[in-house]
Amino acid sequence: MVRFIGNPALAENDAFFTPWKKKFCQWITEGKVPYLMVHTADNTEAPELANHFYKLISEELATDEKPLPEIATLNPDRHGDQLSLL
């Protein structure tokens, strides 16, 4: 599991994603199931950033025999209070 705290200027994150993209592709090729938790300062851009990273690794693995499946659409416009753990 990797926790990535991204820059709210989304284009600035690609340089930081590069080594993680390589590592995630390696892990997936080895049959592992890595998890990435993406955060930004107020998490407003986090869904978009997570989708962007998934697209990067999907493109990298597109020539593989077993490409990544499509992911569900994340709903960044959903507002409301955080759910309680109780």
Protein backbone atom coordinates (compact mmCIF):
# COMPACT_ATOMS: atom_id res chain seq x y z
CA MET A 1 0.00 0.00 0.00
CA VAL A 2 1.34 3.39 -1.00
CA ARG A 3 0.06 6.70 0.28
CA PHE A 4 0.70 9.51 -2.20
CA ILE A 5 0.17 13.12 -1.16
CA GLY A 6 -0.03 15.08 -4.36
CA ASN A 7 0.42 18.65 -5.37
CA PRO A 8 -2.89 20.43 -6.12
CA ALA A 9 -1.26 21.59 -9.38
CA LEU A 10 -1.92 18.24 -11.03
CA ALA A 11 0.76 18.51 -13.73
CA GLU A 12 3.42 18.81 -11.02
CA ASN A 13 2.78 15.23 -9.88
CA ASP A 14 3.98 13.42 -13.00
CA ALA A 15 7.64 13.65 -11.98
CA PHE A 16 6.78 12.07 -8.62
CA PHE A 17 4.58 9.43 -10.26
CA THR A 18 7.38 8.19 -12.55
CA PRO A 19 9.16 5.90 -10.04
CA TRP A 20 5.84 4.70 -8.61
CA LYS A 21 4.50 3.94 -12.08
CA LYS A 22 7.50 1.69 -12.70
CA LYS A 23 7.12 -0.03 -9.32
CA PHE A 24 3.35 -0.55 -9.66
CA CYS A 25 3.79 -2.04 -13.14
CA GLN A 26 6.45 -4.38 -11.76
CA TRP A 27 4.22 -5.46 -8.89
CA ILE A 28 1.22 -6.02 -11.17
CA THR A 29 3.32 -8.02 -13.62
CA GLU A 30 4.47 -10.17 -10.69
CA GLY A 31 0.81 -10.88 -9.87
CA LYS A 32 0.67 -8.61 -6.83
CA VAL A 33 -2.23 -6.25 -6.13
CA PRO A 34 -0.83 -2.90 -5.02
CA TYR A 35 -3.03 -0.21 -3.49
CA LEU A 36 -2.56 3.54 -3.88
CA MET A 37 -4.19 6.05 -1.55
CA VAL A 38 -4.11 9.49 -3.14
CA HIS A 39 -4.48 12.69 -1.18
CA THR A 40 -4.20 16.39 -1.94
CA ALA A 41 -4.34 19.33 0.45
CA ASP A 42 -8.13 19.32 0.67
CA ASN A 43 -8.65 16.12 -1.37
CA THR A 44 -10.64 18.01 -4.00
CA GLU A 45 -8.20 16.97 -6.73
CA ALA A 46 -7.54 13.47 -5.31
CA PRO A 47 -10.06 11.58 -7.53
CA GLU A 48 -8.70 13.22 -10.68
CA LEU A 49 -5.14 12.49 -9.60
CA ALA A 50 -5.99 8.84 -8.85
CA ASN A 51 -7.60 8.47 -12.28
CA HIS A 52 -4.54 10.02 -13.90
CA PHE A 53 -2.17 7.57 -12.18
CA TYR A 54 -4.38 4.62 -13.14
CA LYS A 55 -4.35 5.83 -16.74
CA LEU A 56 -0.54 6.04 -16.68
CA ILE A 57 -0.07 2.48 -15.48
CA SER A 58 -2.86 1.21 -17.75
CA GLU A 59 -1.08 2.67 -20.76
CA GLU A 60 2.21 1.16 -19.63
CA LEU A 61 0.63 -2.29 -19.25
CA ALA A 62 -1.54 -2.04 -22.39
CA THR A 63 0.83 -4.28 -24.34
CA ASP A 64 0.74 -6.89 -21.57
CA GLU A 65 -1.36 -10.01 -22.10
CA LYS A 66 -3.57 -9.01 -19.18
CA PRO A 67 -4.32 -5.27 -19.31
CA LEU A 68 -5.87 -3.53 -16.34
CA PRO A 69 -9.67 -3.44 -16.20
CA GLU A 70 -11.61 -0.23 -16.50
CA ILE A 71 -12.26 1.39 -13.15
CA ALA A 72 -15.54 2.74 -11.89
CA THR A 73 -16.09 6.42 -12.40
CA LEU A 74 -15.10 8.35 -9.32
CA ASN A 75 -17.55 11.03 -8.29
CA PRO A 76 -15.51 14.08 -7.27
CA ASP A 77 -18.65 16.24 -7.10
CA ARG A 78 -20.14 14.31 -4.20
CA HIS A 79 -20.30 16.63 -1.23
CA GLY A 80 -21.30 15.91 2.29
CA ASP A 81 -20.00 15.03 5.68
CA GLN A 82 -17.42 12.33 6.16
CA LEU A 83 -18.97 9.02 7.14
CA SER A 84 -18.67 7.98 10.75
CA LEU A 85 -16.73 4.89 11.75
CA LEU A 86 -19.33 4.16 14.42
